[in-house]
Amino acid sequence: MHVLNIHEVDDVRLDPYQMPVPGAKDVVIKVKACGICGSDLSYIKVGGIHRRPGGVTPIGHEAAGEVIHVGKEVNDIAIGQRVVINPMQTSSYIGSGGPEGAFTEQLLVRDARAGDNILLIPNDIPYDIAALTEPLAVALHGVNRAQAKAGDNIVVFGCGPIGLGMVMWLVDRGANVVALDLATERRERAMDLGAQAAFDPTQIDLQAELVKLHGSARIFSREAVGTDAFIDAAGAPNILNDVIKMAKFQSRLVITAAYMKPVQIDLGAMLTTEMTITTAVGYPDEMPEVLAALPRLRDKLDGMISHHYPLENIIEALAVAATPASAKVMIDINT
């Protein structure tokens, strides 16, 4: 077998792999599909996470597959079940610094628990669509943190896989969504998912466009846009202050992007808005809701996967995933 390991900064290799002997509380998953996440790319850039000197960081966590081994103390999980993993609930935090990564043919899941870190895939949902469950749960948590509801006017900064997932969930709730991204391909995907409009924010007067689409409001002597909530899935340092300058009274900003450096914000301008700035990370309890929604949203989800690669071509796939032309890059394994 093989597993994708980070060895050093920008040094990632598909290495030979010998899986440890599973314990009584463990299961083994024959991985069928695993998506490339932005965090995978970030880990590669920094040389791994929790990596000991001379060691490696196995990566990959958006996995779907078939149960092929069940430890004797594991309850309610059976060989042959089609499942996804919830890596945040695994004891080894699969793909984020522990001894296991899901870019492999067979994945050891330690301390497996049905309905917690092992979740059943709905009938007739293919493995590649099921593997979208984890990033879609991240997106849904961001939407939940924005308190989005039908009729809200919402702006999403960034239309990578997470941003596109947010556009999909927001449209599904009946919100009016403006999507922003530098890449034409990603803006087109946002429109296909039902966005009201999609712009390159560097090529327009964003505040003027939002006034046209969402209306306007006033805060003392300043004109504001009628946008109810903004979601930052891009991570550009100018976004926070740009939003503060045009935000209406008691609007909301949710940050889901990972900022590597501190960002200064204009608290004076923010004071008069009484706006809320908060963050969203992971998916505390959204994965079951996502899985239940997959059959209903099946047709929309096909368009979120831009590329398929076999495991042996994963280094090439990583390069494609780092380009703006991609959406979700899916690794097909054991197919």
C-alpha atoms as a PDB file:
ATOM      1  CA  MET A   1       0.000   0.000   0.000  1.00  0.00           C
ATOM      2  CA  HIS A   2       0.876   3.675  -0.130  1.00  0.00           C
ATOM      3  CA  VAL A   3       0.207   6.843   1.845  1.00  0.00           C
ATOM      4  CA  LEU A   4       0.827  10.502   1.021  1.00  0.00           C
ATOM      5  CA  ASN A   5       3.373  11.984   3.439  1.00  0.00           C
ATOM      6  CA  ILE A   6       4.821  15.446   3.937  1.00  0.00           C
ATOM      7  CA  HIS A   7       8.576  15.179   4.560  1.00  0.00           C
ATOM      8  CA  GLU A   8       9.645  18.833   4.546  1.00  0.00           C
ATOM      9  CA  VAL A   9       8.457  22.201   3.272  1.00  0.00           C
ATOM     10  CA  ASP A  10       7.036  21.636  -0.235  1.00  0.00           C
ATOM     11  CA  ASP A  11       8.247  18.030  -0.120  1.00  0.00           C
ATOM     12  CA  VAL A  12       5.329  15.606  -0.332  1.00  0.00           C
ATOM     13  CA  ARG A  13       5.666  11.986  -1.481  1.00  0.00           C
ATOM     14  CA  LEU A  14       3.494   8.944  -2.070  1.00  0.00           C
ATOM     15  CA  ASP A  15       5.392   6.493   0.127  1.00  0.00           C
ATOM     16  CA  PRO A  16       5.115   2.722   0.618  1.00  0.00           C
ATOM     17  CA  TYR A  17       2.954   2.003   3.648  1.00  0.00           C
ATOM     18  CA  GLN A  18       2.424  -0.882   6.037  1.00  0.00           C
ATOM     19  CA  MET A  19      -0.716  -0.374   8.103  1.00  0.00           C
ATOM     20  CA  PRO A  20      -0.445  -1.199  11.831  1.00  0.00           C
ATOM     21  CA  VAL A  21      -2.386  -4.180  13.122  1.00  0.00           C
ATOM     22  CA  PRO A  22      -5.908  -2.914  13.970  1.00  0.00           C
ATOM     23  CA  GLY A  23      -6.961  -3.027  17.612  1.00  0.00           C
ATOM     24  CA  ALA A  24     -10.176  -4.292  19.146  1.00  0.00           C
ATOM     25  CA  LYS A  25     -11.804  -0.834  18.937  1.00  0.00           C
ATOM     26  CA  ASP A  26     -10.625  -0.049  15.404  1.00  0.00           C
ATOM     27  CA  VAL A  27     -12.016  -0.431  11.909  1.00  0.00           C
ATOM     28  CA  VAL A  28     -10.322  -0.437   8.516  1.00  0.00           C
ATOM     29  CA  ILE A  29     -11.805   1.410   5.556  1.00  0.00           C
ATOM     30  CA  LYS A  30     -11.015   0.579   1.946  1.00  0.00           C
ATOM     31  CA  VAL A  31     -10.822   4.161   0.701  1.00  0.00           C
ATOM     32  CA  LYS A  32     -12.741   4.798  -2.508  1.00  0.00           C
ATOM     33  CA  ALA A  33     -12.491   8.584  -2.795  1.00  0.00           C
ATOM     34  CA  CYS A  34     -10.726  11.370  -0.924  1.00  0.00           C
ATOM     35  CA  GLY A  35     -10.855  15.064  -1.773  1.00  0.00           C
ATOM     36  CA  ILE A  36      -7.906  17.437  -1.669  1.00  0.00           C
ATOM     37  CA  CYS A  37      -8.499  20.142   0.932  1.00  0.00           C
ATOM     38  CA  GLY A  38      -6.994  23.604   1.154  1.00  0.00           C
ATOM     39  CA  SER A  39      -5.567  22.609   4.512  1.00  0.00           C
ATOM     40  CA  ASP A  40      -3.637  19.797   2.787  1.00  0.00           C
ATOM     41  CA  LEU A  41      -1.998  22.399   0.562  1.00  0.00           C
ATOM     42  CA  SER A  42      -1.290  24.625   3.556  1.00  0.00           C
ATOM     43  CA  TYR A  43       0.328  21.766   5.472  1.00  0.00           C
ATOM     44  CA  ILE A  44       2.606  21.093   2.502  1.00  0.00           C
ATOM     45  CA  LYS A  45       3.677  24.750   2.350  1.00  0.00           C
ATOM     46  CA  VAL A  46       4.704  24.763   6.022  1.00  0.00           C
ATOM     47  CA  GLY A  47       6.312  21.332   6.022  1.00  0.00           C
ATOM     48  CA  GLY A  48       3.632  19.389   7.868  1.00  0.00           C
ATOM     49  CA  ILE A  49       1.750  19.722  11.119  1.00  0.00           C
ATOM     50  CA  HIS A  50       2.983  18.313  14.431  1.00  0.00           C
ATOM     51  CA  ARG A  51       5.806  16.711  12.442  1.00  0.00           C
ATOM     52  CA  ARG A  52       8.787  15.570  14.472  1.00  0.00           C
ATOM     53  CA  PRO A  53      12.280  16.263  13.096  1.00  0.00           C
ATOM     54  CA  GLY A  54      13.025  13.625  10.502  1.00  0.00           C
ATOM     55  CA  GLY A  55       9.443  12.397  10.603  1.00  0.00           C
ATOM     56  CA  VAL A  56       6.490  12.781   8.261  1.00  0.00           C
ATOM     57  CA  THR A  57       2.920  14.086   8.311  1.00  0.00           C
ATOM     58  CA  PRO A  58       0.409  11.771   6.583  1.00  0.00           C
ATOM     59  CA  ILE A  59      -2.376  13.844   5.009  1.00  0.00           C
ATOM     60  CA  GLY A  60      -5.877  13.428   3.581  1.00  0.00           C
ATOM     61  CA  HIS A  61      -9.092  13.560   5.590  1.00  0.00           C
ATOM     62  CA  GLU A  62     -12.085  13.927   3.205  1.00  0.00           C
ATOM     63  CA  ALA A  63     -12.536  10.171   2.832  1.00  0.00           C
ATOM     64  CA  ALA A  64     -15.348   7.843   1.808  1.00  0.00           C
ATOM     65  CA  GLY A  65     -15.070   4.103   1.457  1.00  0.00           C
ATOM     66  CA  GLU A  66     -16.102   0.594   2.445  1.00  0.00           C
ATOM     67  CA  VAL A  67     -15.629  -1.067   5.832  1.00  0.00           C
ATOM     68  CA  ILE A  68     -13.408  -4.141   5.407  1.00  0.00           C
ATOM     69  CA  HIS A  69     -12.428  -4.918   9.017  1.00  0.00           C
ATOM     70  CA  VAL A  70     -14.222  -4.395  12.337  1.00  0.00           C
ATOM     71  CA  GLY A  71     -12.572  -4.852  15.738  1.00  0.00           C
ATOM     72  CA  LYS A  72     -14.301  -7.183  18.193  1.00  0.00           C
ATOM     73  CA  GLU A  73     -15.212  -4.367  20.590  1.00  0.00           C
ATOM     74  CA  VAL A  74     -16.743  -2.114  17.894  1.00  0.00           C
ATOM     75  CA  ASN A  75     -20.529  -1.854  17.961  1.00  0.00           C
ATOM     76  CA  ASP A  76     -23.017  -1.105  15.161  1.00  0.00           C
ATOM     77  CA  ILE A  77     -20.455  -1.065  12.347  1.00  0.00           C
ATOM     78  CA  ALA A  78     -20.400  -3.941   9.855  1.00  0.00           C
ATOM     79  CA  ILE A  79     -18.115  -5.162   7.086  1.00  0.00           C
ATOM     80  CA  GLY A  80     -19.392  -3.971   3.725  1.00  0.00           C
ATOM     81  CA  GLN A  81     -20.981  -0.752   4.968  1.00  0.00           C
ATOM     82  CA  ARG A  82     -20.411   2.339   2.829  1.00  0.00           C
ATOM     83  CA  VAL A  83     -19.200   5.133   5.091  1.00  0.00           C
ATOM     84  CA  VAL A  84     -17.523   8.498   5.445  1.00  0.00           C
ATOM     85  CA  ILE A  85     -15.230   9.416   8.293  1.00  0.00           C
ATOM     86  CA  ASN A  86     -15.516  12.437  10.550  1.00  0.00           C
ATOM     87  CA  PRO A  87     -11.796  13.139  11.038  1.00  0.00           C
ATOM     88  CA  MET A  88     -12.379  15.719  13.769  1.00  0.00           C
ATOM     89  CA  GLN A  89     -13.888  12.987  15.925  1.00  0.00           C
ATOM     90  CA  THR A  90     -11.104  10.444  15.395  1.00  0.00           C
ATOM     91  CA  SER A  91      -8.663   9.976  18.242  1.00  0.00           C
ATOM     92  CA  SER A  92      -5.699  10.335  15.884  1.00  0.00           C
ATOM     93  CA  TYR A  93      -7.207  13.362  14.100  1.00  0.00           C
ATOM     94  CA  ILE A  94      -6.771  11.722  10.708  1.00  0.00           C
ATOM     95  CA  GLY A  95      -4.846  13.772   8.159  1.00  0.00           C
ATOM     96  CA  SER A  96      -3.984  16.623  10.512  1.00  0.00           C
ATOM     97  CA  GLY A  97      -0.902  15.577  12.417  1.00  0.00           C
ATOM     98  CA  GLY A  98      -1.687  12.060  13.587  1.00  0.00           C
ATOM     99  CA  PRO A  99      -0.230   8.755  12.350  1.00  0.00           C
ATOM    100  CA  GLU A 100      -2.917   8.196   9.671  1.00  0.00           C
ATOM    101  CA  GLY A 101      -3.769  10.015   6.465  1.00  0.00           C
ATOM    102  CA  ALA A 102      -6.633   9.172   4.119  1.00  0.00           C
ATOM    103  CA  PHE A 103      -4.710   9.372   0.839  1.00  0.00           C
ATOM    104  CA  THR A 104      -4.124   5.638   1.059  1.00  0.00           C
ATOM    105  CA  GLU A 105      -5.687   2.394  -0.112  1.00  0.00           C
ATOM    106  CA  GLN A 106      -6.695   1.240   3.380  1.00  0.00           C
ATOM    107  CA  LEU A 107      -7.313   3.610   6.274  1.00  0.00           C
ATOM    108  CA  LEU A 108      -7.087   2.615   9.924  1.00  0.00           C
ATOM    109  CA  VAL A 109      -9.690   4.418  12.040  1.00  0.00           C
ATOM    110  CA  ARG A 110      -8.821   4.067  15.714  1.00  0.00           C
ATOM    111  CA  ASP A 111     -11.566   4.021  18.366  1.00  0.00           C
ATOM    112  CA  ALA A 112     -14.295   3.773  15.740  1.00  0.00           C
ATOM    113  CA  ARG A 113     -17.779   4.834  16.808  1.00  0.00           C
ATOM    114  CA  ALA A 114     -20.887   4.461  14.693  1.00  0.00           C
ATOM    115  CA  GLY A 115     -22.742   7.720  14.151  1.00  0.00           C
ATOM    116  CA  ASP A 116     -19.800   9.711  15.468  1.00  0.00           C
ATOM    117  CA  ASN A 117     -16.559   9.270  13.533  1.00  0.00           C
ATOM    118  CA  ILE A 118     -18.022   6.636  11.179  1.00  0.00           C
ATOM    119  CA  LEU A 119     -21.180   7.694   9.329  1.00  0.00           C
ATOM    120  CA  LEU A 120     -23.246   5.769   6.794  1.00  0.00           C
ATOM    121  CA  ILE A 121     -23.537   7.032   3.222  1.00  0.00           C
ATOM    122  CA  PRO A 122     -27.114   7.296   1.893  1.00  0.00           C
ATOM    123  CA  ASN A 123     -28.125   4.660  -0.651  1.00  0.00           C
ATOM    124  CA  ASP A 124     -27.235   5.373  -4.300  1.00  0.00           C
ATOM    125  CA  ILE A 125     -24.808   8.203  -3.451  1.00  0.00           C
ATOM    126  CA  PRO A 126     -21.473   7.500  -5.203  1.00  0.00           C
ATOM    127  CA  TYR A 127     -18.274   7.619  -3.210  1.00  0.00           C
ATOM    128  CA  ASP A 128     -16.933  10.791  -4.827  1.00  0.00           C
ATOM    129  CA  ILE A 129     -20.081  12.729  -3.914  1.00  0.00           C
ATOM    130  CA  ALA A 130     -20.026  11.229  -0.406  1.00  0.00           C
ATOM    131  CA  ALA A 131     -16.441  12.426  -0.005  1.00  0.00           C
ATOM    132  CA  LEU A 132     -17.764  15.989  -0.298  1.00  0.00           C
ATOM    133  CA  THR A 133     -19.490  15.558   3.068  1.00  0.00           C
ATOM    134  CA  GLU A 134     -16.591  16.931   5.105  1.00  0.00           C
ATOM    135  CA  PRO A 135     -16.011  20.158   3.127  1.00  0.00           C
ATOM    136  CA  LEU A 136     -19.768  20.670   2.790  1.00  0.00           C
ATOM    137  CA  ALA A 137     -20.027  20.404   6.578  1.00  0.00           C
ATOM    138  CA  VAL A 138     -17.355  23.093   6.943  1.00  0.00           C
ATOM    139  CA  ALA A 139     -19.353  25.285   4.578  1.00  0.00           C
ATOM    140  CA  LEU A 140     -22.626  24.604   6.388  1.00  0.00           C
ATOM    141  CA  HIS A 141     -21.095  25.518   9.736  1.00  0.00           C
ATOM    142  CA  GLY A 142     -20.007  28.867   8.313  1.00  0.00           C
ATOM    143  CA  VAL A 143     -23.522  29.475   7.017  1.00  0.00           C
ATOM    144  CA  ASN A 144     -24.960  28.519  10.405  1.00  0.00           C
ATOM    145  CA  ARG A 145     -22.577  30.918  12.159  1.00  0.00           C
ATOM    146  CA  ALA A 146     -23.818  33.657   9.820  1.00  0.00           C
ATOM    147  CA  GLN A 147     -27.359  32.921  11.048  1.00  0.00           C
ATOM    148  CA  ALA A 148     -28.445  32.859   7.419  1.00  0.00           C
ATOM    149  CA  LYS A 149     -32.129  32.548   6.645  1.00  0.00           C
ATOM    150  CA  ALA A 150     -34.476  32.874   3.682  1.00  0.00           C
ATOM    151  CA  GLY A 151     -34.531  36.362   2.213  1.00  0.00           C
ATOM    152  CA  ASP A 152     -31.203  37.453   3.706  1.00  0.00           C
ATOM    153  CA  ASN A 153     -28.751  39.342   1.517  1.00  0.00           C
ATOM    154  CA  ILE A 154     -25.338  37.691   1.885  1.00  0.00           C
ATOM    155  CA  VAL A 155     -21.904  38.145   0.317  1.00  0.00           C
ATOM    156  CA  VAL A 156     -19.402  35.282   0.076  1.00  0.00           C
ATOM    157  CA  PHE A 157     -15.749  36.256  -0.419  1.00  0.00           C
ATOM    158  CA  GLY A 158     -13.898  33.406  -2.157  1.00  0.00           C
ATOM    159  CA  CYS A 159     -15.335  30.638  -4.352  1.00  0.00           C
ATOM    160  CA  GLY A 160     -12.963  27.793  -3.690  1.00  0.00           C
ATOM    161  CA  PRO A 161     -14.545  24.488  -2.603  1.00  0.00           C
ATOM    162  CA  ILE A 162     -15.631  25.862   0.799  1.00  0.00           C
ATOM    163  CA  GLY A 163     -16.948  29.125  -0.632  1.00  0.00           C
ATOM    164  CA  LEU A 164     -18.871  27.267  -3.325  1.00  0.00           C
ATOM    165  CA  GLY A 165     -20.345  25.010  -0.659  1.00  0.00           C
ATOM    166  CA  MET A 166     -21.498  28.111   1.203  1.00  0.00           C
ATOM    167  CA  VAL A 167     -23.101  29.503  -1.947  1.00  0.00           C
ATOM    168  CA  MET A 168     -24.966  26.231  -2.394  1.00  0.00           C
ATOM    169  CA  TRP A 169     -26.248  26.104   1.204  1.00  0.00           C
ATOM    170  CA  LEU A 170     -27.238  29.777   1.173  1.00  0.00           C
ATOM    171  CA  VAL A 171     -29.183  29.413  -2.068  1.00  0.00           C
ATOM    172  CA  ASP A 172     -30.775  26.263  -0.645  1.00  0.00           C
ATOM    173  CA  ARG A 173     -32.014  28.350   2.305  1.00  0.00           C
ATOM    174  CA  GLY A 174     -33.467  31.007   0.042  1.00  0.00           C
ATOM    175  CA  ALA A 175     -30.851  33.712   0.629  1.00  0.00           C
ATOM    176  CA  ASN A 176     -29.798  36.220  -2.022  1.00  0.00           C
ATOM    177  CA  VAL A 177     -26.100  35.556  -2.598  1.00  0.00           C
ATOM    178  CA  VAL A 178     -23.364  37.647  -4.178  1.00  0.00           C
ATOM    179  CA  ALA A 179     -20.189  35.633  -4.785  1.00  0.00           C
ATOM    180  CA  LEU A 180     -16.739  37.186  -5.144  1.00  0.00           C
ATOM    181  CA  ASP A 181     -13.633  35.593  -6.620  1.00  0.00           C
ATOM    182  CA  LEU A 182     -10.729  36.566  -8.860  1.00  0.00           C
ATOM    183  CA  ALA A 183     -11.107  33.468 -11.062  1.00  0.00           C
ATOM    184  CA  THR A 184     -13.640  33.431 -13.890  1.00  0.00           C
ATOM    185  CA  GLU A 185     -14.146  29.665 -13.596  1.00  0.00           C
ATOM    186  CA  ARG A 186     -15.047  29.868  -9.932  1.00  0.00           C
ATOM    187  CA  ARG A 187     -17.449  32.754 -10.479  1.00  0.00           C
ATOM    188  CA  GLU A 188     -19.174  30.723 -13.186  1.00  0.00           C
ATOM    189  CA  ARG A 189     -19.540  27.788 -10.805  1.00  0.00           C
ATOM    190  CA  ALA A 190     -21.090  30.093  -8.194  1.00  0.00           C
ATOM    191  CA  MET A 191     -23.624  31.297 -10.752  1.00  0.00           C
ATOM    192  CA  ASP A 192     -24.415  27.706 -11.709  1.00  0.00           C
ATOM    193  CA  LEU A 193     -25.182  27.057  -8.033  1.00  0.00           C
ATOM    194  CA  GLY A 194     -27.709  29.892  -8.003  1.00  0.00           C
ATOM    195  CA  ALA A 195     -25.796  32.985  -6.907  1.00  0.00           C
ATOM    196  CA  GLN A 196     -27.583  36.264  -7.612  1.00  0.00           C
ATOM    197  CA  ALA A 197     -24.363  37.721  -9.032  1.00  0.00           C
ATOM    198  CA  ALA A 198     -20.650  36.943  -9.097  1.00  0.00           C
ATOM    199  CA  PHE A 199     -17.897  39.549  -9.413  1.00  0.00           C
ATOM    200  CA  ASP A 200     -14.155  39.958  -9.467  1.00  0.00           C
ATOM    201  CA  PRO A 201     -13.910  42.425  -6.553  1.00  0.00           C
ATOM    202  CA  THR A 202     -10.769  44.023  -7.997  1.00  0.00           C
ATOM    203  CA  GLN A 203     -12.637  45.058 -11.149  1.00  0.00           C
ATOM    204  CA  ILE A 204     -15.714  46.759  -9.663  1.00  0.00           C
ATOM    205  CA  ASP A 205     -16.851  49.247  -7.063  1.00  0.00           C
ATOM    206  CA  LEU A 206     -18.129  46.575  -4.684  1.00  0.00           C
ATOM    207  CA  GLN A 207     -20.111  48.916  -2.462  1.00  0.00           C
ATOM    208  CA  ALA A 208     -21.899  50.410  -5.460  1.00  0.00           C
ATOM    209  CA  GLU A 209     -22.764  46.970  -6.832  1.00  0.00           C
ATOM    210  CA  LEU A 210     -24.095  45.808  -3.472  1.00  0.00           C
ATOM    211  CA  VAL A 211     -26.272  48.911  -3.181  1.00  0.00           C
ATOM    212  CA  LYS A 212     -27.798  47.990  -6.544  1.00  0.00           C
ATOM    213  CA  LEU A 213     -28.436  44.396  -5.491  1.00  0.00           C
ATOM    214  CA  HIS A 214     -29.100  44.624  -1.741  1.00  0.00           C
ATOM    215  CA  GLY A 215     -30.246  48.209  -1.321  1.00  0.00           C
ATOM    216  CA  SER A 216     -28.743  50.804   0.974  1.00  0.00           C
ATOM    217  CA  ALA A 217     -28.935  51.969   4.572  1.00  0.00           C
ATOM    218  CA  ARG A 218     -27.531  54.844   6.571  1.00  0.00           C
ATOM    219  CA  ILE A 219     -25.399  54.918   9.689  1.00  0.00           C
ATOM    220  CA  PHE A 220     -25.210  58.520  10.902  1.00  0.00           C
ATOM    221  CA  SER A 221     -23.782  60.424   7.918  1.00  0.00           C
ATOM    222  CA  ARG A 222     -22.466  57.345   6.121  1.00  0.00           C
ATOM    223  CA  GLU A 223     -24.166  55.289   3.431  1.00  0.00           C
ATOM    224  CA  ALA A 224     -24.066  51.535   4.046  1.00  0.00           C
ATOM    225  CA  VAL A 225     -25.068  48.544   1.961  1.00  0.00           C
ATOM    226  CA  GLY A 226     -28.170  46.508   2.720  1.00  0.00           C
ATOM    227  CA  THR A 227     -26.219  43.271   3.080  1.00  0.00           C
ATOM    228  CA  ASP A 228     -27.198  41.258   6.160  1.00  0.00           C
ATOM    229  CA  ALA A 229     -24.102  39.077   6.425  1.00  0.00           C
ATOM    230  CA  PHE A 230     -20.657  38.638   4.874  1.00  0.00           C
ATOM    231  CA  ILE A 231     -18.669  35.391   4.885  1.00  0.00           C
ATOM    232  CA  ASP A 232     -14.908  35.508   4.363  1.00  0.00           C
ATOM    233  CA  ALA A 233     -13.725  32.284   2.743  1.00  0.00           C
ATOM    234  CA  ALA A 234     -10.874  34.034   0.916  1.00  0.00           C
ATOM    235  CA  GLY A 235      -8.488  35.335   3.565  1.00  0.00           C
ATOM    236  CA  ALA A 236      -7.416  38.565   1.866  1.00  0.00           C
ATOM    237  CA  PRO A 237      -6.273  41.023   4.574  1.00  0.00           C
ATOM    238  CA  ASN A 238      -8.257  43.942   3.124  1.00  0.00           C
ATOM    239  CA  ILE A 239     -11.620  42.170   3.458  1.00  0.00           C
ATOM    240  CA  LEU A 240     -12.276  42.946   7.120  1.00  0.00           C
ATOM    241  CA  ASN A 241     -11.866  46.698   6.837  1.00  0.00           C
ATOM    242  CA  ASP A 242     -13.616  46.840   3.467  1.00  0.00           C
ATOM    243  CA  VAL A 243     -16.633  45.182   5.072  1.00  0.00           C
ATOM    244  CA  ILE A 244     -16.541  47.405   8.156  1.00  0.00           C
ATOM    245  CA  LYS A 245     -16.573  50.532   5.971  1.00  0.00           C
ATOM    246  CA  MET A 246     -19.747  49.518   4.123  1.00  0.00           C
ATOM    247  CA  ALA A 247     -21.576  47.351   6.681  1.00  0.00           C
ATOM    248  CA  LYS A 248     -25.034  48.310   7.868  1.00  0.00           C
ATOM    249  CA  PHE A 249     -26.209  48.448  11.492  1.00  0.00           C
ATOM    250  CA  GLN A 250     -25.909  45.098  13.300  1.00  0.00           C
ATOM    251  CA  SER A 251     -24.796  43.167  10.228  1.00  0.00           C
ATOM    252  CA  ARG A 252     -22.596  40.095  10.576  1.00  0.00           C
ATOM    253  CA  LEU A 253     -19.183  39.000   9.318  1.00  0.00           C
ATOM    254  CA  VAL A 254     -18.080  35.368   9.646  1.00  0.00           C
ATOM    255  CA  ILE A 255     -14.427  34.510   9.008  1.00  0.00           C
ATOM    256  CA  THR A 256     -13.779  30.958   7.838  1.00  0.00           C
ATOM    257  CA  ALA A 257     -10.485  31.641   6.032  1.00  0.00           C
ATOM    258  CA  ALA A 258      -7.220  30.898   7.801  1.00  0.00           C
ATOM    259  CA  TYR A 259      -5.159  34.043   8.405  1.00  0.00           C
ATOM    260  CA  MET A 260      -1.471  33.367   8.920  1.00  0.00           C
ATOM    261  CA  LYS A 261      -0.662  36.923  10.061  1.00  0.00           C
ATOM    262  CA  PRO A 262      -2.430  39.450  12.325  1.00  0.00           C
ATOM    263  CA  VAL A 263      -4.799  41.907  10.645  1.00  0.00           C
ATOM    264  CA  GLN A 264      -5.488  45.421  11.920  1.00  0.00           C
ATOM    265  CA  ILE A 265      -9.126  46.529  11.932  1.00  0.00           C
ATOM    266  CA  ASP A 266     -10.739  49.957  12.238  1.00  0.00           C
ATOM    267  CA  LEU A 267     -12.594  49.672  15.534  1.00  0.00           C
ATOM    268  CA  GLY A 268     -13.667  53.303  15.310  1.00  0.00           C
ATOM    269  CA  ALA A 269     -15.609  52.664  12.116  1.00  0.00           C
ATOM    270  CA  MET A 270     -16.930  49.397  13.514  1.00  0.00           C
ATOM    271  CA  LEU A 271     -18.217  51.068  16.695  1.00  0.00           C
ATOM    272  CA  THR A 272     -21.074  52.864  14.983  1.00  0.00           C
ATOM    273  CA  THR A 273     -22.269  49.747  13.167  1.00  0.00           C
ATOM    274  CA  GLU A 274     -22.621  47.472  16.204  1.00  0.00           C
ATOM    275  CA  MET A 275     -21.761  44.732  13.719  1.00  0.00           C
ATOM    276  CA  THR A 276     -20.675  41.277  14.822  1.00  0.00           C
ATOM    277  CA  ILE A 277     -17.415  39.722  13.682  1.00  0.00           C
ATOM    278  CA  THR A 278     -16.971  36.062  14.497  1.00  0.00           C
ATOM    279  CA  THR A 279     -15.287  32.927  13.166  1.00  0.00           C
ATOM    280  CA  ALA A 280     -16.278  29.445  12.055  1.00  0.00           C
ATOM    281  CA  VAL A 281     -14.052  26.385  12.067  1.00  0.00           C
ATOM    282  CA  GLY A 282     -14.804  22.754  11.371  1.00  0.00           C
ATOM    283  CA  TYR A 283     -18.242  21.226  11.820  1.00  0.00           C
ATOM    284  CA  PRO A 284     -19.229  20.546  15.439  1.00  0.00           C
ATOM    285  CA  ASP A 285     -22.462  18.745  14.497  1.00  0.00           C
ATOM    286  CA  GLU A 286     -23.204  19.399  10.813  1.00  0.00           C
ATOM    287  CA  MET A 287     -22.033  16.162   9.148  1.00  0.00           C
ATOM    288  CA  PRO A 288     -25.231  14.136   9.733  1.00  0.00           C
ATOM    289  CA  GLU A 289     -27.302  16.980   8.280  1.00  0.00           C
ATOM    290  CA  VAL A 290     -25.062  17.087   5.215  1.00  0.00           C
ATOM    291  CA  LEU A 291     -25.335  13.341   4.655  1.00  0.00           C
ATOM    292  CA  ALA A 292     -29.120  13.509   4.913  1.00  0.00           C
ATOM    293  CA  ALA A 293     -29.184  16.293   2.308  1.00  0.00           C
ATOM    294  CA  LEU A 294     -26.942  14.565  -0.268  1.00  0.00           C
ATOM    295  CA  PRO A 295     -29.768  12.809  -2.172  1.00  0.00           C
ATOM    296  CA  ARG A 296     -31.732  16.066  -2.467  1.00  0.00           C
ATOM    297  CA  LEU A 297     -28.715  18.089  -3.612  1.00  0.00           C
ATOM    298  CA  ARG A 298     -27.138  15.370  -5.759  1.00  0.00           C
ATOM    299  CA  ASP A 299     -27.475  17.196  -9.096  1.00  0.00           C
ATOM    300  CA  LYS A 300     -25.813  20.367  -7.806  1.00  0.00           C
ATOM    301  CA  LEU A 301     -22.923  18.501  -6.235  1.00  0.00           C
ATOM    302  CA  ASP A 302     -21.599  17.013  -9.477  1.00  0.00           C
ATOM    303  CA  GLY A 303     -20.523  20.474 -10.591  1.00  0.00           C
ATOM    304  CA  MET A 304     -18.437  21.015  -7.463  1.00  0.00           C
ATOM    305  CA  ILE A 305     -15.904  18.350  -8.507  1.00  0.00           C
ATOM    306  CA  SER A 306     -13.689  19.790 -11.226  1.00  0.00           C
ATOM    307  CA  HIS A 307     -11.055  17.047 -11.540  1.00  0.00           C
ATOM    308  CA  HIS A 308     -10.573  13.326 -10.858  1.00  0.00           C
ATOM    309  CA  TYR A 309      -7.154  11.675 -10.457  1.00  0.00           C
ATOM    310  CA  PRO A 310      -6.027   8.180  -9.429  1.00  0.00           C
ATOM    311  CA  LEU A 311      -3.912   7.872  -6.306  1.00  0.00           C
ATOM    312  CA  GLU A 312      -0.742   7.256  -8.317  1.00  0.00           C
ATOM    313  CA  ASN A 313      -1.106  10.717  -9.893  1.00  0.00           C
ATOM    314  CA  ILE A 314      -1.765  12.580  -6.662  1.00  0.00           C
ATOM    315  CA  ILE A 315       1.320  14.822  -6.918  1.00  0.00           C
ATOM    316  CA  GLU A 316      -0.029  16.158 -10.212  1.00  0.00           C
ATOM    317  CA  ALA A 317      -3.469  16.496  -8.624  1.00  0.00           C
ATOM    318  CA  LEU A 318      -2.063  18.618  -5.797  1.00  0.00           C
ATOM    319  CA  ALA A 319      -0.617  21.050  -8.316  1.00  0.00           C
ATOM    320  CA  VAL A 320      -3.986  21.349 -10.046  1.00  0.00           C
ATOM    321  CA  ALA A 321      -5.785  21.842  -6.717  1.00  0.00           C
ATOM    322  CA  ALA A 322      -3.575  24.869  -6.058  1.00  0.00           C
ATOM    323  CA  THR A 323      -4.783  26.630  -9.220  1.00  0.00           C
ATOM    324  CA  PRO A 324      -7.829  28.923  -9.388  1.00  0.00           C
ATOM    325  CA  ALA A 325      -9.224  26.903 -12.295  1.00  0.00           C
ATOM    326  CA  SER A 326     -10.027  24.014  -9.953  1.00  0.00           C
ATOM    327  CA  ALA A 327     -12.918  23.433  -7.607  1.00  0.00           C
ATOM    328  CA  LYS A 328     -12.780  20.159  -5.659  1.00  0.00           C
ATOM    329  CA  VAL A 329     -10.054  17.831  -6.899  1.00  0.00           C
ATOM    330  CA  MET A 330     -11.024  14.245  -6.102  1.00  0.00           C
ATOM    331  CA  ILE A 331      -8.625  11.311  -5.722  1.00  0.00           C
ATOM    332  CA  ASP A 332     -10.173   8.010  -6.819  1.00  0.00           C
ATOM    333  CA  ILE A 333      -8.793   4.966  -5.016  1.00  0.00           C
ATOM    334  CA  ASN A 334      -9.561   1.250  -5.283  1.00  0.00           C
ATOM    335  CA  THR A 335     -11.871   1.867  -8.252  1.00  0.00           C
END
